[in-house]
Protein backbone atom coordinates (compact mmCIF):
# COMPACT_ATOMS: atom_id res chain seq x y z
CA UNK A 1 17.00 -42.45 -29.70
CA UNK A 2 13.63 -43.58 -28.68
CA UNK A 3 14.45 -42.98 -24.98
CA UNK A 4 15.75 -39.48 -25.79
CA UNK A 5 12.65 -38.60 -27.66
CA UNK A 6 10.43 -39.98 -24.73
CA UNK A 7 12.50 -37.79 -22.33
CA UNK A 8 12.09 -34.74 -24.44
CA UNK A 9 8.24 -35.30 -24.57
CA UNK A 10 8.16 -35.78 -20.74
CA UNK A 11 10.28 -32.60 -20.15
CA UNK A 12 7.89 -30.60 -22.60
CA UNK A 13 4.75 -31.93 -20.80
CA UNK A 14 6.27 -31.05 -17.35
CA UNK A 15 7.22 -27.52 -18.46
CA UNK A 16 3.59 -27.13 -20.06
CA UNK A 17 1.86 -28.44 -16.94
CA UNK A 18 4.00 -26.10 -14.80
CA UNK A 19 3.10 -23.02 -17.01
CA UNK A 20 -0.66 -23.92 -16.83
CA UNK A 21 -0.63 -24.32 -12.98
CA UNK A 22 0.99 -20.94 -12.69
CA UNK A 23 -1.54 -19.30 -14.86
CA UNK A 24 -4.35 -21.09 -12.84
CA UNK A 25 -3.84 -18.46 -10.24
CA UNK A 26 -4.58 -15.56 -12.69
CA UNK A 27 -8.02 -14.60 -13.65
CA UNK A 28 -8.90 -12.05 -16.23
CA UNK A 29 -12.45 -10.72 -15.73
CA UNK A 30 -14.75 -9.63 -18.47
CA UNK A 31 -14.15 -5.97 -17.56
CA UNK A 32 -10.35 -6.58 -18.14
CA UNK A 33 -9.57 -6.58 -14.39
CA UNK A 34 -6.75 -9.08 -13.81
CA UNK A 35 -6.62 -10.86 -10.52
CA UNK A 36 -3.36 -12.58 -9.61
CA UNK A 37 -3.78 -14.79 -6.55
CA UNK A 38 -0.49 -14.65 -4.55
CA UNK A 39 -1.86 -16.45 -1.59
CA UNK A 40 -5.24 -18.26 -1.59
CA UNK A 41 -7.36 -17.57 1.54
CA UNK A 42 -9.64 -19.96 3.05
CA UNK A 43 -12.04 -17.78 4.81
CA UNK A 44 -15.33 -15.97 3.67
CA UNK A 45 -15.76 -14.59 0.23
CA UNK A 46 -17.33 -11.07 0.07
CA UNK A 47 -20.38 -10.18 -2.05
CA UNK A 48 -20.86 -6.98 -4.07
CA UNK A 49 -22.34 -5.19 -0.88
CA UNK A 50 -20.11 -6.66 1.78
CA UNK A 51 -17.97 -4.43 3.95
CA UNK A 52 -14.41 -5.53 3.93
CA UNK A 53 -11.18 -4.78 5.89
CA UNK A 54 -8.12 -4.72 3.70
CA UNK A 55 -4.37 -3.84 3.57
CA UNK A 56 -3.15 -2.55 0.19
CA UNK A 57 -0.65 -0.79 -1.90
CA UNK A 58 -1.56 0.90 -5.01
CA UNK A 59 1.11 1.66 -7.76
CA UNK A 60 1.00 3.33 -11.17
CA UNK A 61 2.53 1.72 -14.34
CA UNK A 62 5.81 3.21 -13.67
CA UNK A 63 6.03 1.58 -10.28
CA UNK A 64 5.44 4.73 -8.22
CA UNK A 65 3.23 4.07 -5.20
CA UNK A 66 0.37 6.45 -4.92
CA UNK A 67 -1.34 5.04 -1.72
CA UNK A 68 -0.56 2.46 0.87
CA UNK A 69 -2.47 1.36 3.89
CA UNK A 70 0.63 -0.81 4.64
CA UNK A 71 2.87 2.29 4.88
CA UNK A 72 0.44 3.81 7.29
CA UNK A 73 0.23 0.60 9.24
CA UNK A 74 -3.71 0.98 9.25
CA UNK A 75 -6.02 -1.29 7.32
CA UNK A 76 -9.03 0.26 5.91
CA UNK A 77 -12.76 -0.81 5.92
CA UNK A 78 -15.22 -0.12 3.24
CA UNK A 79 -18.30 -1.40 1.55
CA UNK A 80 -17.34 -3.05 -1.82
CA UNK A 81 -20.30 -1.07 -3.57
CA UNK A 82 -18.73 2.21 -2.74
CA UNK A 83 -15.26 1.88 -4.42
CA UNK A 84 -13.80 1.70 -7.86
CA UNK A 85 -15.28 -1.21 -10.00
CA UNK A 86 -11.86 -2.92 -10.15
CA UNK A 87 -12.00 -3.46 -6.30
CA UNK A 88 -15.60 -4.52 -6.25
CA UNK A 89 -14.98 -7.20 -8.84
CA UNK A 90 -11.52 -8.12 -7.94
CA UNK A 91 -12.25 -8.57 -4.17
CA UNK A 92 -15.24 -10.77 -4.84
CA UNK A 93 -12.65 -13.29 -6.35
CA UNK A 94 -10.85 -13.54 -3.04
CA UNK A 95 -11.32 -15.03 0.24
CA UNK A 96 -10.40 -13.82 3.84
CA UNK A 97 -6.60 -14.47 4.31
CA UNK A 98 -5.90 -14.23 0.70
CA UNK A 99 -3.45 -11.91 -1.07
CA UNK A 100 -3.79 -10.85 -4.71
CA UNK A 101 -2.44 -8.33 -7.10
CA UNK A 102 -5.27 -6.56 -9.01
CA UNK A 103 -4.44 -5.03 -12.37
CA UNK A 104 -7.21 -2.30 -13.17
CA UNK A 105 -7.73 -0.87 -16.54
CA UNK A 106 -8.39 2.85 -16.23
CA UNK A 107 -12.09 2.32 -17.02
CA UNK A 108 -12.55 0.15 -13.93
CA UNK A 109 -10.50 2.66 -11.79
CA UNK A 110 -10.54 6.39 -12.01
CA UNK A 111 -10.88 6.79 -15.86
CA UNK A 112 -10.50 10.02 -17.61
CA UNK A 113 -10.81 12.01 -14.33
CA UNK A 114 -7.81 10.55 -12.51
CA UNK A 115 -7.80 11.11 -8.80
CA UNK A 116 -6.34 14.29 -7.69
CA UNK A 117 -2.61 14.94 -8.19
CA UNK A 118 -1.65 11.22 -7.43
CA UNK A 119 -3.42 9.35 -10.12
CA UNK A 120 -3.25 10.76 -13.67
CA UNK A 121 -6.07 10.54 -16.12
CA UNK A 122 -6.55 7.11 -17.93
CA UNK A 123 -4.07 5.42 -15.66
CA UNK A 124 -3.81 1.54 -15.28
CA UNK A 125 -3.45 0.84 -11.74
CA UNK A 126 -2.05 -2.06 -9.63
CA UNK A 127 -3.05 -2.96 -6.19
CA UNK A 128 -1.57 -5.54 -3.97
CA UNK A 129 -4.49 -6.35 -1.63
CA UNK A 130 -4.72 -8.66 1.45
CA UNK A 131 -8.24 -9.33 2.45
CA UNK A 132 -8.33 -9.41 6.28
CA UNK A 133 -12.19 -9.51 7.02
CA UNK A 134 -15.63 -9.62 5.59
CA UNK A 135 -18.73 -8.23 7.36
């Protein structure tokens, strides 16, 4: 009986530890931006005004892809202080070589205005981003 109890406790501890380890690769920033690290990079970390080179794919809540540098096979470079707040904040949590999934509440993306016909107003967006270079 004691052996079974000890085994049950160890199994529970193992499962709890595994769940905590999985959550360790997810950060929720004060703005509500969620950064899920899919692969940790070991290169430079960008600052708020750094210029970065990334590959990305953006999707709506329904899973529809609205933009993708991957589909175009052409990474894009831009200054972090010239894009939506979600990207400015989320990419600063990454390092070159890393891949992350950014979940962007609408207030950190395109808000009430949306973006043309591809992003409706008040849309929560998800981006899978690979950070290739920081200048």
